[in-house]
């Protein structure tokens, strides 16, 4: 180990630099790292908060800058800051954001010595804000035997001589992990990058020896033990002696690989354990166990699951009730002798089924967002089933509205159902298209084999991020002369108009398609996109 002294130019607040790219972007534009080496460094960046907290220090990750294409290596190469981490348990010394800054090796002399010598280099640098020398430690970062970066630690306290037991233990564990970084043993290649839920040093630390016996437990770790009903002193005992499930610890020590496991001591206490083996030249010498009491988190998860289940059940029951109403209306329609009343009941039954479709989808997913394409598929099937002609009407759909909020999906589903039904009932020759009493016939829209369709209905859907647009166009006989949707007496079109304008706060336009474009009718509905509540 070498301990020279040097000075480093720190960026000041008046020199903010350009916008900060991601580590992957920096690596691609500044370094010669291959994909595996970059992945190793990204794993280090994802797990080095533990190193910052154990060392009570700011951390910087420095990587050599590759020469420009076609140019020889410069006499004074540069290092680029690929990442930066601040401790949670000490004030930061590096308050500027240095990620993306490139500095010549001559200005980062200690890091350059570490990079070219491959050894941990300790020393001091001048801190402009403090106006004094601060200790630093430069740790070589290897991957598959190749030195690819330097981990720079900037500390306020002296590197040696901590004043408390827990500081001595933390710094000892940090040094062991630093040696693993230098030996390419940390971060572990098969460990997922930590999530927000993963335990941190401040949540609680337990250090065990190679036999799994507790050497140290931090005050917060003792609090977690107390929550689990354990009040005995843990030092010198294995987890099993403390009546704690020790499978995870044993597996981590035996295999030299990290383990994350939840321990449910009592029904109301759940502790998350993250066992990190400590290695020296491939030999397991102990482990650091981070503990976090996740009881409240799991309780909240269970409440959310219960809430989701309750919401799904409500939608399921609403769907069942609507289907019951639909069946009652259909049954009543069969017993009514008056044709007009029978048609009205069938139309009411179809509208209820349209609303039930939305609740059926919501019963499968508790979110307030509904994939509208699933609804349209069912609405098309309903419209096709209502065709009683021996020749089919072909309905096709293009585009997608994506997911829409439930308060939009319900009236929009009724709107599309009405427009499709209006097209199949009134756009084509009534003798061919059928439509007797508005009831579904024995033959579906497919008709008998070999029958040519008597017409086509096209549904086009678009979502530009601010507006949902649904266009329904048929190639039928068109609209009567002087037709105006604002003055229509049709109940179905009146419902559509009121739903679009009043509930959806949108617009509707209905007009004839010119003969040159194939004739028929086009209805365009446009409604604003609503953000999920």
Protein backbone atom coordinates (compact mmCIF):
# COMPACT_ATOMS: atom_id res chain seq x y z
CA UNK A 1 0.00 0.00 0.00
CA UNK A 2 1.28 3.46 -0.85
CA UNK A 3 0.47 6.73 0.92
CA UNK A 4 1.54 9.78 -1.11
CA UNK A 5 -0.13 13.18 -1.01
CA UNK A 6 -1.63 15.09 -3.93
CA UNK A 7 -4.08 17.81 -4.86
CA UNK A 8 -7.27 17.41 -6.90
CA UNK A 9 -9.22 20.06 -8.77
CA UNK A 10 -12.85 19.86 -7.68
CA UNK A 11 -15.61 21.32 -9.79
CA UNK A 12 -17.18 24.33 -8.12
CA UNK A 13 -20.80 25.44 -8.01
CA UNK A 14 -20.03 28.03 -10.71
CA UNK A 15 -18.90 25.20 -13.04
CA UNK A 16 -21.96 22.95 -13.21
CA UNK A 17 -21.01 21.32 -16.50
CA UNK A 18 -23.38 19.79 -19.05
CA UNK A 19 -26.39 17.63 -18.29
CA UNK A 20 -25.39 14.32 -16.73
CA UNK A 21 -25.67 11.21 -18.94
CA UNK A 22 -26.19 7.70 -17.61
CA UNK A 23 -23.20 5.48 -16.71
CA UNK A 24 -23.89 3.33 -19.78
CA UNK A 25 -23.88 6.42 -22.03
CA UNK A 26 -20.67 7.69 -20.43
CA UNK A 27 -19.02 4.30 -20.83
CA UNK A 28 -20.02 4.08 -24.49
CA UNK A 29 -18.81 7.58 -25.35
CA UNK A 30 -15.67 7.82 -23.17
CA UNK A 31 -14.29 4.37 -22.34
CA UNK A 32 -13.16 1.11 -23.93
CA UNK A 33 -15.23 -1.09 -21.61
CA UNK A 34 -16.76 -4.17 -23.18
CA UNK A 35 -20.37 -5.17 -22.33
CA UNK A 36 -19.37 -7.63 -19.58
CA UNK A 37 -17.06 -5.10 -17.92
CA UNK A 38 -19.77 -2.43 -18.06
CA UNK A 39 -22.29 -4.85 -16.53
CA UNK A 40 -19.83 -5.54 -13.69
CA UNK A 41 -19.46 -1.83 -12.99
CA UNK A 42 -23.22 -1.30 -13.16
CA UNK A 43 -23.64 -4.03 -10.54
CA UNK A 44 -21.07 -2.23 -8.41
CA UNK A 45 -22.98 1.04 -8.81
CA UNK A 46 -26.17 -0.77 -7.83
CA UNK A 47 -24.75 -2.18 -4.60
CA UNK A 48 -22.10 0.27 -3.45
CA UNK A 49 -24.38 2.20 -1.09
CA UNK A 50 -23.32 -0.47 1.43
CA UNK A 51 -19.67 0.50 0.87
CA UNK A 52 -20.42 4.21 1.34
CA UNK A 53 -22.26 3.61 4.62
CA UNK A 54 -19.70 1.16 6.01
CA UNK A 55 -16.84 3.57 5.28
CA UNK A 56 -18.72 6.76 6.28
CA UNK A 57 -17.38 8.19 3.02
CA UNK A 58 -18.20 9.61 -0.39
CA UNK A 59 -17.37 7.26 -3.25
CA UNK A 60 -16.40 8.00 -6.86
CA UNK A 61 -15.94 5.49 -9.65
CA UNK A 62 -13.16 6.51 -12.07
CA UNK A 63 -12.60 4.85 -15.45
CA UNK A 64 -9.81 5.53 -17.99
CA UNK A 65 -10.90 7.53 -21.03
CA UNK A 66 -10.06 5.85 -24.33
CA UNK A 67 -8.07 7.83 -26.92
CA UNK A 68 -9.95 9.29 -29.86
CA UNK A 69 -10.17 7.00 -32.89
CA UNK A 70 -6.97 7.06 -34.91
CA UNK A 71 -5.03 9.05 -32.34
CA UNK A 72 -2.09 7.78 -30.23
CA UNK A 73 -2.50 7.58 -26.45
CA UNK A 74 -1.99 11.04 -24.88
CA UNK A 75 0.95 11.78 -22.60
CA UNK A 76 -1.48 12.74 -19.83
CA UNK A 77 -4.53 10.40 -20.12
CA UNK A 78 -7.88 11.28 -18.63
CA UNK A 79 -10.14 9.61 -16.09
CA UNK A 80 -13.92 10.05 -16.24
CA UNK A 81 -16.24 9.88 -13.21
CA UNK A 82 -18.71 7.12 -14.05
CA UNK A 83 -20.60 7.19 -10.74
CA UNK A 84 -20.89 8.91 -7.38
CA UNK A 85 -22.35 7.76 -4.05
CA UNK A 86 -22.84 9.64 -0.77
CA UNK A 87 -23.15 8.03 2.68
CA UNK A 88 -26.40 8.07 4.63
CA UNK A 89 -24.69 8.20 8.02
CA UNK A 90 -22.22 11.07 7.55
CA UNK A 91 -22.26 14.53 5.95
CA UNK A 92 -21.06 14.49 2.36
CA UNK A 93 -17.70 16.00 1.48
CA UNK A 94 -18.31 16.01 -2.27
CA UNK A 95 -21.38 18.19 -2.59
CA UNK A 96 -20.94 18.83 -6.31
CA UNK A 97 -22.15 16.34 -8.89
CA UNK A 98 -18.98 15.07 -10.54
CA UNK A 99 -20.51 12.35 -12.73
CA UNK A 100 -19.37 12.85 -16.31
CA UNK A 101 -16.37 15.01 -15.39
CA UNK A 102 -13.11 14.01 -17.11
CA UNK A 103 -9.81 15.01 -15.46
CA UNK A 104 -6.20 14.34 -16.46
CA UNK A 105 -4.37 11.63 -14.50
CA UNK A 106 -1.82 14.23 -13.41
CA UNK A 107 -4.59 15.94 -11.43
CA UNK A 108 -5.76 12.61 -9.96
CA UNK A 109 -2.27 11.36 -9.15
CA UNK A 110 -3.29 8.89 -6.42
CA UNK A 111 -5.96 7.31 -8.61
CA UNK A 112 -3.46 7.06 -11.47
CA UNK A 113 -0.96 5.29 -9.22
CA UNK A 114 -3.66 2.84 -8.15
CA UNK A 115 -4.79 2.29 -11.74
CA UNK A 116 -1.31 1.52 -13.05
CA UNK A 117 0.04 -0.25 -9.98
CA UNK A 118 -3.01 -2.36 -9.16
CA UNK A 119 -2.70 -1.78 -5.41
CA UNK A 120 -4.84 0.08 -2.86
CA UNK A 121 -3.35 3.58 -2.51
CA UNK A 122 -4.05 5.78 0.51
CA UNK A 123 -3.14 9.42 0.87
CA UNK A 124 -4.51 12.94 1.30
CA UNK A 125 -5.94 15.54 -1.03
CA UNK A 126 -6.66 19.23 -0.52
CA UNK A 127 -10.35 20.04 -0.16
CA UNK A 128 -11.03 23.61 -1.38
CA UNK A 129 -14.17 24.14 0.71
CA UNK A 130 -12.69 22.84 3.97
CA UNK A 131 -9.32 24.41 3.23
CA UNK A 132 -7.50 21.36 4.57
CA UNK A 133 -6.23 17.93 3.62
CA UNK A 134 -8.76 15.09 3.67
CA UNK A 135 -7.87 11.38 3.58
CA UNK A 136 -8.68 9.32 0.48
CA UNK A 137 -8.38 5.67 -0.47
CA UNK A 138 -8.06 4.43 -4.05
CA UNK A 139 -9.20 0.84 -4.60
CA UNK A 140 -8.52 -1.01 -7.88
CA UNK A 141 -11.61 -2.52 -9.50
CA UNK A 142 -10.91 -5.75 -11.38
CA UNK A 143 -13.02 -7.93 -13.60
CA UNK A 144 -11.77 -11.31 -14.81
CA UNK A 145 -8.26 -10.32 -13.75
CA UNK A 146 -8.23 -7.05 -15.70
CA UNK A 147 -8.05 -3.70 -13.90
CA UNK A 148 -10.90 -1.61 -15.34
CA UNK A 149 -11.59 1.20 -12.83
CA UNK A 150 -10.68 2.85 -9.54
CA UNK A 151 -13.02 3.22 -6.57
CA UNK A 152 -12.12 6.49 -4.83
CA UNK A 153 -13.14 6.93 -1.20
CA UNK A 154 -13.17 10.45 0.26
CA UNK A 155 -13.40 10.54 4.08
CA UNK A 156 -13.63 13.28 6.68
CA UNK A 157 -12.37 11.19 9.60
CA UNK A 158 -8.88 9.64 9.61
CA UNK A 159 -8.73 6.25 7.90
CA UNK A 160 -7.41 4.70 11.10
CA UNK A 161 -8.27 5.05 14.76
CA UNK A 162 -12.13 4.98 14.93
CA UNK A 163 -13.50 5.85 18.33
CA UNK A 164 -16.26 3.27 18.79
CA UNK A 165 -16.78 -0.46 18.44
CA UNK A 166 -19.35 -0.12 15.69
CA UNK A 167 -17.12 2.25 13.69
CA UNK A 168 -14.20 -0.19 13.97
CA UNK A 169 -16.43 -3.06 12.85
CA UNK A 170 -17.92 -1.11 9.95
CA UNK A 171 -14.51 -0.04 8.69
CA UNK A 172 -13.16 -3.57 9.07
CA UNK A 173 -16.03 -4.98 6.98
CA UNK A 174 -15.49 -2.21 4.44
CA UNK A 175 -11.81 -3.13 4.11
CA UNK A 176 -12.76 -6.77 3.57
CA UNK A 177 -15.23 -5.80 0.88
CA UNK A 178 -12.67 -3.42 -0.66
CA UNK A 179 -10.23 -6.32 -0.96
CA UNK A 180 -13.01 -8.31 -2.66
CA UNK A 181 -13.53 -5.44 -5.13
CA UNK A 182 -9.81 -5.50 -5.88
CA UNK A 183 -9.96 -9.30 -6.33
CA UNK A 184 -13.00 -9.14 -8.68
CA UNK A 185 -15.11 -10.96 -6.05
CA UNK A 186 -17.50 -8.06 -5.34
CA UNK A 187 -20.08 -7.31 -6.60
CA UNK A 188 -21.30 -10.86 -7.01
CA UNK A 189 -21.98 -11.79 -10.64
CA UNK A 190 -25.26 -13.60 -9.90
CA UNK A 191 -26.83 -11.11 -7.48
CA UNK A 192 -29.65 -8.85 -8.59
CA UNK A 193 -29.09 -5.13 -8.10
CA UNK A 194 -30.66 -3.98 -4.83
CA UNK A 195 -34.15 -2.49 -4.78
CA UNK A 196 -35.58 0.25 -2.59
CA UNK A 197 -36.79 -2.45 -0.21
CA UNK A 198 -33.34 -4.02 0.22
CA UNK A 199 -31.82 -3.53 3.68
CA UNK A 200 -29.14 -0.89 4.10
CA UNK A 201 -26.41 -0.55 6.71
CA UNK A 202 -28.50 1.86 8.76
CA UNK A 203 -31.30 -0.72 9.10
CA UNK A 204 -29.13 -3.10 11.09
CA UNK A 205 -25.84 -5.02 10.68
CA UNK A 206 -24.80 -8.39 12.05
CA UNK A 207 -21.31 -9.77 11.40
CA UNK A 208 -20.73 -13.52 11.75
CA UNK A 209 -17.56 -15.61 11.48
CA UNK A 210 -16.97 -18.50 9.10
CA UNK A 211 -18.90 -20.84 11.45
CA UNK A 212 -21.91 -18.52 11.56
CA UNK A 213 -21.32 -17.28 15.10
CA UNK A 214 -22.24 -13.65 15.76
CA UNK A 215 -19.26 -11.37 16.27
CA UNK A 216 -21.12 -8.04 16.21
CA UNK A 217 -24.67 -6.73 16.12
CA UNK A 218 -25.40 -3.03 15.63
CA UNK A 219 -27.95 -1.20 17.85
CA UNK A 220 -30.54 -1.26 15.06
CA UNK A 221 -29.93 -4.98 14.56
CA UNK A 222 -30.59 -5.47 18.27
CA UNK A 223 -33.85 -3.55 17.85
CA UNK A 224 -34.84 -5.99 15.10
CA UNK A 225 -33.99 -8.93 17.39
CA UNK A 226 -36.14 -7.40 20.13
CA UNK A 227 -39.05 -7.04 17.70
CA UNK A 228 -38.63 -10.76 17.03
CA UNK A 229 -38.84 -11.49 20.76
CA UNK A 230 -35.11 -12.19 21.19
CA UNK A 231 -33.48 -10.44 24.15
CA UNK A 232 -30.43 -12.65 24.74
CA UNK A 233 -27.00 -11.30 23.81
CA UNK A 234 -26.27 -12.68 20.32
CA UNK A 235 -22.44 -12.49 20.43
CA UNK A 236 -20.84 -15.94 20.21
CA UNK A 237 -24.11 -17.64 19.20
CA UNK A 238 -25.43 -18.94 15.90
CA UNK A 239 -28.81 -17.82 14.60
CA UNK A 240 -30.16 -21.27 15.39
CA UNK A 241 -29.13 -20.82 19.04
CA UNK A 242 -31.22 -17.65 19.04
CA UNK A 243 -34.19 -19.58 17.62
CA UNK A 244 -33.91 -17.75 14.28
CA UNK A 245 -34.12 -19.63 11.01
CA UNK A 246 -30.47 -19.92 9.86
CA UNK A 247 -30.86 -21.69 6.52
CA UNK A 248 -30.02 -18.53 4.57
CA UNK A 249 -26.89 -17.83 6.63
CA UNK A 250 -25.66 -21.42 6.35
CA UNK A 251 -26.24 -21.45 2.58
CA UNK A 252 -24.41 -18.14 2.09
CA UNK A 253 -21.42 -19.35 4.13
CA UNK A 254 -21.32 -22.74 2.42
CA UNK A 255 -21.62 -21.44 -1.15
CA UNK A 256 -19.99 -18.02 -0.94
CA UNK A 257 -23.02 -16.40 -2.57
CA UNK A 258 -25.42 -13.77 -1.19
CA UNK A 259 -28.91 -14.73 -0.04
CA UNK A 260 -32.01 -12.64 0.62
CA UNK A 261 -34.70 -14.20 2.82
CA UNK A 262 -37.65 -13.11 4.91
CA UNK A 263 -37.93 -14.42 8.45
CA UNK A 264 -41.38 -14.35 10.03
CA UNK A 265 -40.73 -14.73 13.70
CA UNK A 266 -44.32 -14.10 14.76
CA UNK A 267 -47.40 -13.44 12.63
CA UNK A 268 -46.94 -9.73 13.14
CA UNK A 269 -43.13 -9.44 12.77
CA UNK A 270 -41.29 -9.95 9.48
CA UNK A 271 -37.56 -9.24 9.08
CA UNK A 272 -35.74 -9.21 5.75
CA UNK A 273 -32.23 -10.71 5.86
CA UNK A 274 -29.56 -9.97 3.24
CA UNK A 275 -26.58 -12.27 3.84
CA UNK A 276 -23.39 -11.08 2.13
CA UNK A 277 -20.47 -13.55 2.38
CA UNK A 278 -17.04 -12.06 3.04
CA UNK A 279 -14.30 -13.73 0.99
CA UNK A 280 -10.54 -13.63 1.03
CA UNK A 281 -8.94 -15.09 -2.11
CA UNK A 282 -12.01 -17.25 -2.69
CA UNK A 283 -12.30 -18.52 0.89
CA UNK A 284 -15.34 -17.57 2.99
CA UNK A 285 -14.14 -15.86 6.17
CA UNK A 286 -17.54 -14.75 7.48
CA UNK A 287 -20.59 -12.80 6.42
CA UNK A 288 -22.28 -9.47 6.91
CA UNK A 289 -26.04 -9.74 7.44
CA UNK A 290 -28.19 -6.68 6.85
CA UNK A 291 -31.54 -6.77 8.64
CA UNK A 292 -34.58 -4.70 7.95
CA UNK A 293 -37.89 -4.86 9.76
CA UNK A 294 -40.41 -4.97 6.89
CA UNK A 295 -43.43 -5.71 9.05
CA UNK A 296 -45.18 -2.45 8.15
CA UNK A 297 -44.28 -2.86 4.47
CA UNK A 298 -45.71 -6.38 4.35
CA UNK A 299 -48.79 -5.31 6.27
CA UNK A 300 -49.36 -2.58 3.71
CA UNK A 301 -48.80 -5.09 0.89
CA UNK A 302 -51.43 -7.35 2.39
CA UNK A 303 -53.85 -4.47 2.79
CA UNK A 304 -53.31 -3.52 -0.85
CA UNK A 305 -53.85 -7.12 -1.94
CA UNK A 306 -57.03 -7.24 0.14
CA UNK A 307 -58.16 -3.95 -1.37
CA UNK A 308 -57.41 -5.18 -4.88
CA UNK A 309 -59.30 -8.38 -4.22
CA UNK A 310 -62.25 -6.40 -2.83
CA UNK A 311 -62.30 -4.12 -5.89
CA UNK A 312 -62.19 -7.11 -8.24
CA UNK A 313 -65.00 -8.76 -6.30
CA UNK A 314 -67.14 -5.60 -6.53
CA UNK A 315 -66.67 -5.45 -10.30
CA UNK A 316 -67.37 -9.18 -10.55
CA UNK A 317 -70.63 -8.81 -8.65
CA UNK A 318 -71.65 -5.76 -10.70
CA UNK A 319 -70.95 -7.74 -13.86
CA UNK A 320 -73.03 -10.68 -12.59
CA UNK A 321 -75.90 -8.37 -11.64
CA UNK A 322 -75.80 -6.69 -15.05
CA UNK A 323 -75.79 -10.08 -16.75
CA UNK A 324 -78.80 -11.09 -14.64
CA UNK A 325 -80.62 -7.91 -15.70
CA UNK A 326 -79.66 -8.63 -19.31
CA UNK A 327 -81.09 -12.14 -19.07
CA UNK A 328 -84.31 -10.87 -17.50
CA UNK A 329 -84.75 -8.31 -20.28
CA UNK A 330 -84.13 -10.98 -22.92
CA UNK A 331 -86.63 -13.32 -21.24
CA UNK A 332 -89.20 -10.54 -21.01
CA UNK A 333 -88.71 -9.69 -24.69
CA UNK A 334 -89.67 -13.24 -25.68
CA UNK A 335 -92.96 -12.96 -23.78
CA UNK A 336 -93.97 -9.57 -25.15
CA UNK A 337 -96.33 -9.70 -28.10
CA UNK A 338 -95.97 -6.10 -29.22
CA UNK A 339 -93.15 -5.82 -31.79
CA UNK A 340 -92.06 -2.30 -30.78
CA UNK A 341 -91.86 -3.29 -27.12
CA UNK A 342 -89.88 -6.40 -28.01
CA UNK A 343 -87.37 -4.36 -30.03
CA UNK A 344 -87.00 -1.84 -27.19
CA UNK A 345 -86.33 -4.60 -24.66
CA UNK A 346 -83.70 -6.21 -26.90
CA UNK A 347 -81.98 -2.85 -27.35
CA UNK A 348 -81.98 -2.25 -23.58
CA UNK A 349 -80.59 -5.75 -23.04
CA UNK A 350 -77.75 -5.07 -25.49
CA UNK A 351 -76.84 -1.78 -23.79
CA UNK A 352 -76.69 -3.49 -20.40
CA UNK A 353 -74.40 -6.16 -21.87
CA UNK A 354 -72.09 -3.42 -23.20
CA UNK A 355 -71.69 -2.01 -19.70
CA UNK A 356 -71.20 -5.50 -18.25
CA UNK A 357 -68.22 -6.03 -20.61
CA UNK A 358 -66.33 -3.18 -18.93
CA UNK A 359 -66.93 -4.57 -15.45
CA UNK A 360 -65.92 -8.05 -16.60
CA UNK A 361 -62.48 -6.72 -17.60
CA UNK A 362 -62.19 -4.66 -14.40
CA UNK A 363 -62.99 -7.78 -12.37
CA UNK A 364 -59.77 -9.34 -13.75
CA UNK A 365 -57.59 -6.28 -13.09
CA UNK A 366 -58.18 -3.95 -10.12
CA UNK A 367 -56.56 -0.96 -11.82
CA UNK A 368 -58.63 1.92 -13.13
CA UNK A 369 -57.26 1.36 -16.63
CA UNK A 370 -59.11 -0.79 -19.17
CA UNK A 371 -57.57 -2.22 -22.38
CA UNK A 372 -60.25 -0.98 -24.75
CA UNK A 373 -59.32 -3.39 -27.55
CA UNK A 374 -60.67 -6.29 -25.46
CA UNK A 375 -63.99 -4.47 -25.17
CA UNK A 376 -64.17 -3.74 -28.90
CA UNK A 377 -63.63 -7.41 -29.76
CA UNK A 378 -66.66 -8.36 -27.65
CA UNK A 379 -68.75 -5.48 -29.04
CA UNK A 380 -67.99 -6.60 -32.60
CA UNK A 381 -69.06 -10.14 -31.70
CA UNK A 382 -72.31 -8.81 -30.24
CA UNK A 383 -73.03 -6.83 -33.41
CA UNK A 384 -72.22 -9.81 -35.64
CA UNK A 385 -74.48 -12.08 -33.58
CA UNK A 386 -77.41 -9.70 -34.13
CA UNK A 387 -77.30 -10.11 -37.94
CA UNK A 388 -80.03 -12.50 -39.05
CA UNK A 389 -79.43 -12.31 -42.80
CA UNK A 390 -78.30 -15.40 -44.69
CA UNK A 391 -75.47 -13.22 -45.99
CA UNK A 392 -72.97 -11.75 -43.53
CA UNK A 393 -71.91 -8.21 -42.75
CA UNK A 394 -68.14 -8.10 -42.28
CA UNK A 395 -66.90 -5.95 -39.39
CA UNK A 396 -63.19 -5.15 -39.20
CA UNK A 397 -61.17 -3.11 -36.71
CA UNK A 398 -57.87 -1.26 -37.05
CA UNK A 399 -55.81 0.74 -34.55
CA UNK A 400 -55.86 0.70 -30.77
CA UNK A 401 -56.88 3.16 -28.07
CA UNK A 402 -54.58 1.50 -25.55
CA UNK A 403 -55.71 1.57 -21.93
CA UNK A 404 -58.40 4.08 -20.99
CA UNK A 405 -59.84 4.98 -17.61
CA UNK A 406 -62.94 3.14 -16.46
CA UNK A 407 -65.06 6.32 -16.40
CA UNK A 408 -64.30 6.73 -20.12
CA UNK A 409 -64.48 3.05 -21.06
CA UNK A 410 -68.08 2.53 -19.94
CA UNK A 411 -69.81 5.32 -21.91
CA UNK A 412 -67.44 4.80 -24.85
CA UNK A 413 -68.27 1.09 -24.94
CA UNK A 414 -72.01 1.89 -25.07
CA UNK A 415 -71.31 4.45 -27.79
CA UNK A 416 -69.39 2.00 -30.00
CA UNK A 417 -72.03 -0.70 -29.43
CA UNK A 418 -74.79 1.67 -30.54
CA UNK A 419 -72.87 2.77 -33.65
CA UNK A 420 -72.15 -0.81 -34.68
CA UNK A 421 -75.73 -1.87 -34.11
CA UNK A 422 -77.00 1.15 -36.02
CA UNK A 423 -74.75 0.21 -38.95
CA UNK A 424 -75.74 -3.47 -39.18
CA UNK A 425 -79.46 -2.71 -38.73
CA UNK A 426 -79.92 0.35 -40.93
CA UNK A 427 -77.01 0.73 -43.35
CA UNK A 428 -77.88 -2.13 -45.66
CA UNK A 429 -80.93 -3.45 -47.46
CA UNK A 430 -83.34 -4.54 -44.70
CA UNK A 431 -84.52 -7.58 -46.66
CA UNK A 432 -80.94 -8.91 -46.86
CA UNK A 433 -79.65 -7.67 -43.55
CA UNK A 434 -82.62 -8.88 -41.57
CA UNK A 435 -83.01 -7.20 -38.19
CA UNK A 436 -86.42 -8.66 -37.37
CA UNK A 437 -87.35 -7.33 -33.97
CA UNK A 438 -83.71 -6.53 -33.35
CA UNK A 439 -83.23 -10.07 -32.01
CA UNK A 440 -80.27 -12.31 -32.71
CA UNK A 441 -80.99 -14.83 -35.44
CA UNK A 442 -80.11 -18.48 -35.72
CA UNK A 443 -77.27 -17.71 -38.13
CA UNK A 444 -74.39 -15.50 -37.05
CA UNK A 445 -72.60 -12.85 -39.04
CA UNK A 446 -70.65 -15.52 -40.84
CA UNK A 447 -73.78 -16.77 -42.58
CA UNK A 448 -73.81 -19.97 -44.54
CA UNK A 449 -70.61 -21.17 -46.16
CA UNK A 450 -69.90 -19.53 -49.51
CA UNK A 451 -72.25 -16.56 -49.07
CA UNK A 452 -70.75 -13.22 -50.13
CA UNK A 453 -71.08 -10.40 -47.61
CA UNK A 454 -73.72 -7.76 -48.28
CA UNK A 455 -71.67 -5.02 -46.64
CA UNK A 456 -68.68 -3.97 -44.60
CA UNK A 457 -68.29 -1.96 -41.41
CA UNK A 458 -64.84 -0.61 -40.50
CA UNK A 459 -63.89 0.59 -37.01
CA UNK A 460 -60.75 2.72 -36.80
CA UNK A 461 -59.27 3.74 -33.43
CA UNK A 462 -56.44 6.18 -32.70
CA UNK A 463 -54.90 7.66 -29.56
CA UNK A 464 -52.52 10.58 -30.07
CA UNK A 465 -51.91 11.06 -26.36
CA UNK A 466 -54.37 13.92 -25.96
CA UNK A 467 -57.45 12.66 -27.79
CA UNK A 468 -59.17 9.32 -28.41
CA UNK A 469 -60.79 8.99 -31.81
CA UNK A 470 -63.15 6.22 -32.93
CA UNK A 471 -64.45 6.22 -36.52
CA UNK A 472 -67.18 3.80 -37.64
CA UNK A 473 -67.69 3.69 -41.40
CA UNK A 474 -69.97 1.45 -43.47
CA UNK A 475 -70.41 1.06 -47.23
CA UNK A 476 -74.18 0.89 -47.06
CA UNK A 477 -76.92 3.06 -48.51
CA UNK A 478 -75.90 6.25 -46.71
CA UNK A 479 -77.97 8.80 -44.81
CA UNK A 480 -81.36 10.24 -45.72
CA UNK A 481 -81.29 13.69 -47.26
CA UNK A 482 -81.16 16.48 -44.69
CA UNK A 483 -80.06 14.18 -41.84
CA UNK A 484 -78.66 16.00 -38.78
CA UNK A 485 -77.52 14.08 -35.71
CA UNK A 486 -78.36 17.11 -33.54
CA UNK A 487 -82.05 16.77 -34.51
CA UNK A 488 -82.30 13.00 -34.82
CA UNK A 489 -85.28 11.22 -33.27
CA UNK A 490 -83.46 7.86 -33.12
CA UNK A 491 -83.15 6.73 -29.49
CA UNK A 492 -79.84 4.97 -30.13
CA UNK A 493 -78.21 7.97 -31.82
CA UNK A 494 -79.64 10.30 -29.18
CA UNK A 495 -78.01 8.16 -26.49
CA UNK A 496 -74.71 8.26 -28.40
CA UNK A 497 -74.84 12.03 -28.81
CA UNK A 498 -75.62 12.63 -25.14
CA UNK A 499 -72.94 10.21 -23.93
CA UNK A 500 -70.24 11.76 -26.12
CA UNK A 501 -71.08 15.39 -25.39
CA UNK A 502 -72.27 15.23 -21.77
CA UNK A 503 -70.31 12.40 -20.15
CA UNK A 504 -67.19 12.22 -22.31
CA UNK A 505 -66.99 15.96 -23.07
CA UNK A 506 -66.16 15.11 -26.65
CA UNK A 507 -67.38 15.70 -30.19
CA UNK A 508 -69.35 13.60 -32.66
CA UNK A 509 -69.76 14.03 -36.40
CA UNK A 510 -71.95 11.88 -38.66
CA UNK A 511 -72.12 12.28 -42.41
CA UNK A 512 -72.44 10.53 -45.73
CA UNK A 513 -69.35 9.17 -47.51
CA UNK A 514 -69.10 10.48 -51.12
CA UNK A 515 -69.85 7.97 -53.84
CA UNK A 516 -66.35 8.48 -55.22
CA UNK A 517 -65.03 7.02 -51.92
CA UNK A 518 -67.38 4.06 -51.97
CA UNK A 519 -70.48 5.61 -50.41
CA UNK A 520 -71.99 4.80 -47.06
CA UNK A 521 -71.86 6.57 -43.69
CA UNK A 522 -69.05 7.67 -41.42
CA UNK A 523 -69.35 8.54 -37.72
CA UNK A 524 -66.35 10.07 -35.95
CA UNK A 525 -66.24 10.33 -32.15
CA UNK A 526 -63.42 12.28 -30.48
CA UNK A 527 -63.00 12.50 -26.71
CA UNK A 528 -60.15 13.96 -24.61
CA UNK A 529 -57.76 11.60 -22.84
CA UNK A 530 -58.25 11.56 -19.09
CA UNK A 531 -55.38 10.87 -16.73
CA UNK A 532 -55.89 8.01 -14.24
CA UNK A 533 -57.21 9.25 -10.92
